[in-house]
């Protein structure tokens, strides 16, 4: 199994080498069933990593894939369904690890810390999907997408509460990196996770997980 926090949309099979003498139209490989769908999600996630990519049109996505917009709609009924495909990947990736942590880690405190670490590292390694998680990429999209991401963070909060380690006991040390974005008194798990994800999409070179304070 690869690094438990290293996630990306699964890579599709590499294209076959073009023939030397056959025309391009004759040698173009038709994607396998489901392969084009994966390519669409990969490209959407990649485009979301670009500066100023809050709103991506289906025309721009089709152009990046070198297909028609109609070809996109053969795999997804709407752009909202494309975003739902990314959200489903986020949910599966994160909660598979959260469940493993809950099963294998006896200490509730350690569970909570590892869950937050999973969120931080996922955001660091998947900046395009992080913009979906924090809602930047969903501003002009269907409201059900925002609701689904809110439910995602509700589930994270529930997992932290079940670990019986949240909220942590008050400590004297400030958390300046969080306070740059959050309200000073904000201490809910969903807000903490959201702020961590926003740090992950920032342009600074510092990895947000490197500044995470111990919970104890």
Protein backbone atom coordinates (compact mmCIF):
# COMPACT_ATOMS: atom_id res chain seq x y z
CA UNK A 1 0.00 0.00 0.00
CA UNK A 2 1.42 3.44 -0.86
CA UNK A 3 1.94 6.22 1.66
CA UNK A 4 -1.34 6.38 3.57
CA UNK A 5 -1.63 10.14 3.12
CA UNK A 6 -0.55 10.40 -0.48
CA UNK A 7 -3.65 10.58 -2.61
CA UNK A 8 -4.31 11.58 -6.14
CA UNK A 9 -6.92 10.68 -8.70
CA UNK A 10 -5.81 7.26 -10.05
CA UNK A 11 -3.56 7.43 -13.08
CA UNK A 12 -5.01 6.11 -16.30
CA UNK A 13 -3.12 3.75 -18.58
CA UNK A 14 -0.45 5.51 -20.68
CA UNK A 15 -1.43 6.05 -24.32
CA UNK A 16 -0.17 3.53 -26.82
CA UNK A 17 2.76 4.58 -28.93
CA UNK A 18 1.68 6.00 -32.26
CA UNK A 19 2.44 3.92 -35.32
CA UNK A 20 5.14 5.12 -37.66
CA UNK A 21 3.23 4.97 -40.92
CA UNK A 22 -0.47 4.89 -39.93
CA UNK A 23 -2.42 8.17 -40.06
CA UNK A 24 -3.06 9.85 -36.70
CA UNK A 25 -6.81 9.36 -37.00
CA UNK A 26 -6.36 5.64 -37.55
CA UNK A 27 -3.95 5.12 -34.64
CA UNK A 28 -5.82 7.12 -32.00
CA UNK A 29 -6.62 4.78 -29.16
CA UNK A 30 -10.20 4.66 -27.94
CA UNK A 31 -10.32 4.94 -24.12
CA UNK A 32 -11.33 1.82 -22.25
CA UNK A 33 -14.69 1.81 -20.41
CA UNK A 34 -14.37 4.17 -17.44
CA UNK A 35 -10.97 5.45 -18.54
CA UNK A 36 -12.29 8.68 -20.05
CA UNK A 37 -14.25 9.38 -16.87
CA UNK A 38 -11.04 9.13 -14.84
CA UNK A 39 -9.23 11.39 -17.31
CA UNK A 40 -11.94 14.01 -16.97
CA UNK A 41 -11.63 14.03 -13.17
CA UNK A 42 -7.83 14.09 -13.35
CA UNK A 43 -7.89 17.07 -15.68
CA UNK A 44 -10.48 18.93 -13.61
CA UNK A 45 -8.39 18.45 -10.44
CA UNK A 46 -5.27 19.61 -12.29
CA UNK A 47 -7.01 22.73 -13.64
CA UNK A 48 -8.19 23.61 -10.13
CA UNK A 49 -4.56 23.83 -9.05
CA UNK A 50 -3.97 26.77 -11.37
CA UNK A 51 -4.17 30.36 -10.04
CA UNK A 52 -7.50 32.03 -10.74
CA UNK A 53 -9.23 28.72 -11.42
CA UNK A 54 -12.19 29.28 -9.10
CA UNK A 55 -14.60 28.75 -12.00
CA UNK A 56 -13.85 26.21 -14.68
CA UNK A 57 -16.20 25.96 -17.64
CA UNK A 58 -17.00 22.74 -19.45
CA UNK A 59 -15.66 24.39 -22.62
CA UNK A 60 -12.26 24.93 -20.99
CA UNK A 61 -12.26 21.40 -19.58
CA UNK A 62 -13.15 19.93 -22.98
CA UNK A 63 -10.39 21.97 -24.63
CA UNK A 64 -7.84 20.71 -22.11
CA UNK A 65 -8.88 17.14 -22.88
CA UNK A 66 -9.05 17.81 -26.64
CA UNK A 67 -12.62 16.53 -26.84
CA UNK A 68 -15.99 18.13 -27.45
CA UNK A 69 -18.27 19.28 -24.64
CA UNK A 70 -20.74 16.65 -25.83
CA UNK A 71 -18.10 14.01 -25.10
CA UNK A 72 -17.95 15.17 -21.49
CA UNK A 73 -21.69 14.78 -21.09
CA UNK A 74 -21.53 11.20 -22.28
CA UNK A 75 -19.75 10.45 -19.00
CA UNK A 76 -21.28 13.03 -16.64
CA UNK A 77 -24.80 14.43 -16.84
CA UNK A 78 -23.61 17.81 -15.56
CA UNK A 79 -20.56 19.64 -14.26
CA UNK A 80 -21.97 19.17 -10.78
CA UNK A 81 -21.59 15.41 -11.25
CA UNK A 82 -17.93 15.95 -12.15
CA UNK A 83 -17.39 17.77 -8.87
CA UNK A 84 -19.29 15.03 -7.08
CA UNK A 85 -16.78 12.58 -8.55
CA UNK A 86 -13.95 14.57 -6.93
CA UNK A 87 -15.83 14.82 -3.64
CA UNK A 88 -16.44 11.07 -3.66
CA UNK A 89 -12.70 10.52 -4.09
CA UNK A 90 -11.97 12.91 -1.21
CA UNK A 91 -14.46 11.15 1.06
CA UNK A 92 -13.23 7.67 0.20
CA UNK A 93 -9.56 8.60 0.58
CA UNK A 94 -9.94 10.40 3.91
CA UNK A 95 -12.46 8.17 5.65
CA UNK A 96 -10.72 4.96 4.67
CA UNK A 97 -7.70 6.26 6.62
CA UNK A 98 -9.83 7.66 9.46
CA UNK A 99 -11.45 4.25 9.94
CA UNK A 100 -8.04 2.56 9.96
CA UNK A 101 -6.80 5.03 12.58
CA UNK A 102 -9.86 4.39 14.77
CA UNK A 103 -9.37 0.64 14.56
CA UNK A 104 -5.62 0.54 15.11
CA UNK A 105 -4.92 3.40 17.53
CA UNK A 106 -5.96 2.79 21.12
CA UNK A 107 -5.28 6.30 22.38
CA UNK A 108 -8.09 8.77 21.68
CA UNK A 109 -5.63 11.64 21.77
CA UNK A 110 -3.41 9.96 19.19
CA UNK A 111 -6.45 9.19 17.05
CA UNK A 112 -7.44 12.85 16.91
CA UNK A 113 -3.93 13.99 16.10
CA UNK A 114 -3.53 11.45 13.30
CA UNK A 115 -6.93 12.32 11.81
CA UNK A 116 -5.96 15.98 11.59
CA UNK A 117 -2.57 15.00 10.16
CA UNK A 118 -4.34 13.01 7.43
CA UNK A 119 -6.40 16.08 6.50
CA UNK A 120 -3.37 18.35 6.42
CA UNK A 121 -1.26 16.04 4.32
CA UNK A 122 -4.09 15.28 1.89
CA UNK A 123 -4.51 19.01 1.36
CA UNK A 124 -0.78 19.51 0.82
CA UNK A 125 -0.59 16.82 -1.82
CA UNK A 126 -3.88 17.56 -3.59
CA UNK A 127 -4.16 21.36 -3.89
CA UNK A 128 -6.85 21.17 -6.57
CA UNK A 129 -9.10 19.03 -4.40
CA UNK A 130 -8.34 21.24 -1.42
CA UNK A 131 -10.08 24.09 -3.25
CA UNK A 132 -13.12 21.86 -3.46
CA UNK A 133 -12.88 21.03 0.24
CA UNK A 134 -12.77 24.66 1.36
CA UNK A 135 -15.48 25.68 -1.11
CA UNK A 136 -13.47 28.02 -3.35
CA UNK A 137 -14.15 25.90 -6.41
CA UNK A 138 -17.84 25.50 -5.54
CA UNK A 139 -18.83 29.17 -5.25
CA UNK A 140 -20.69 29.24 -8.58
CA UNK A 141 -21.73 25.59 -8.59
CA UNK A 142 -24.75 23.67 -7.34
CA UNK A 143 -25.54 24.25 -3.66
CA UNK A 144 -25.72 20.52 -3.01
CA UNK A 145 -21.96 20.35 -3.51
CA UNK A 146 -21.35 22.83 -0.70
CA UNK A 147 -23.79 20.91 1.49
CA UNK A 148 -21.94 17.68 0.80
CA UNK A 149 -18.61 19.21 1.79
CA UNK A 150 -20.22 20.59 4.96
CA UNK A 151 -21.38 17.06 5.73
CA UNK A 152 -17.82 15.86 5.15
CA UNK A 153 -16.50 18.15 7.88
CA UNK A 154 -19.41 17.19 10.13
CA UNK A 155 -18.23 13.59 9.80
CA UNK A 156 -14.69 14.64 10.63
CA UNK A 157 -15.98 16.43 13.72
CA UNK A 158 -17.93 13.33 14.70
CA UNK A 159 -14.81 11.18 14.33
CA UNK A 160 -12.83 13.56 16.53
CA UNK A 161 -15.53 13.59 19.18
CA UNK A 162 -15.73 9.82 19.14
CA UNK A 163 -12.03 9.72 19.91
CA UNK A 164 -12.96 11.47 23.20
CA UNK A 165 -10.03 13.79 22.70
CA UNK A 166 -11.93 16.86 21.51
CA UNK A 167 -11.92 19.58 22.60
CA UNK A 168 -8.36 19.42 23.94
CA UNK A 169 -7.76 20.88 27.35
CA UNK A 170 -6.89 24.61 27.21
CA UNK A 171 -3.22 25.36 26.72
CA UNK A 172 -1.31 28.57 27.17
CA UNK A 173 0.38 28.38 23.79
CA UNK A 174 -1.24 30.46 21.03
CA UNK A 175 -1.91 29.07 17.57
CA UNK A 176 -0.90 32.03 15.39
CA UNK A 177 -0.97 30.18 12.10
CA UNK A 178 -4.63 29.32 12.59
CA UNK A 179 -5.57 32.75 13.89
CA UNK A 180 -4.52 34.39 10.66
CA UNK A 181 -7.65 32.95 9.11
CA UNK A 182 -9.94 31.79 11.92
CA UNK A 183 -11.57 33.77 14.63
CA UNK A 184 -9.30 33.81 17.69
CA UNK A 185 -11.77 31.80 19.76
CA UNK A 186 -12.66 29.35 17.03
CA UNK A 187 -11.98 25.82 18.24
CA UNK A 188 -14.46 23.54 16.44
CA UNK A 189 -12.97 20.55 14.61
CA UNK A 190 -14.65 21.50 11.33
CA UNK A 191 -13.21 25.02 11.49
CA UNK A 192 -9.77 23.69 12.37
CA UNK A 193 -9.90 21.25 9.46
CA UNK A 194 -11.13 23.97 7.11
CA UNK A 195 -8.37 26.36 8.14
CA UNK A 196 -5.78 23.63 7.69
CA UNK A 197 -7.04 23.02 4.18
CA UNK A 198 -6.87 26.73 3.38
CA UNK A 199 -3.25 26.78 4.54
CA UNK A 200 -2.59 23.87 2.21
CA UNK A 201 -3.71 25.83 -0.85
CA UNK A 202 -1.61 28.86 0.09
CA UNK A 203 1.33 29.73 -2.11
CA UNK A 204 3.91 29.69 0.69
CA UNK A 205 6.45 26.89 0.68
CA UNK A 206 5.86 25.88 4.31
CA UNK A 207 3.85 22.69 4.67
CA UNK A 208 0.94 23.24 7.09
CA UNK A 209 1.42 19.85 8.75
CA UNK A 210 4.91 20.90 9.84
CA UNK A 211 3.43 23.56 12.14
CA UNK A 212 0.71 21.41 13.76
CA UNK A 213 0.87 21.62 17.53
CA UNK A 214 0.48 18.51 19.71
CA UNK A 215 -3.02 18.07 21.13
CA UNK A 216 -1.81 17.13 24.55
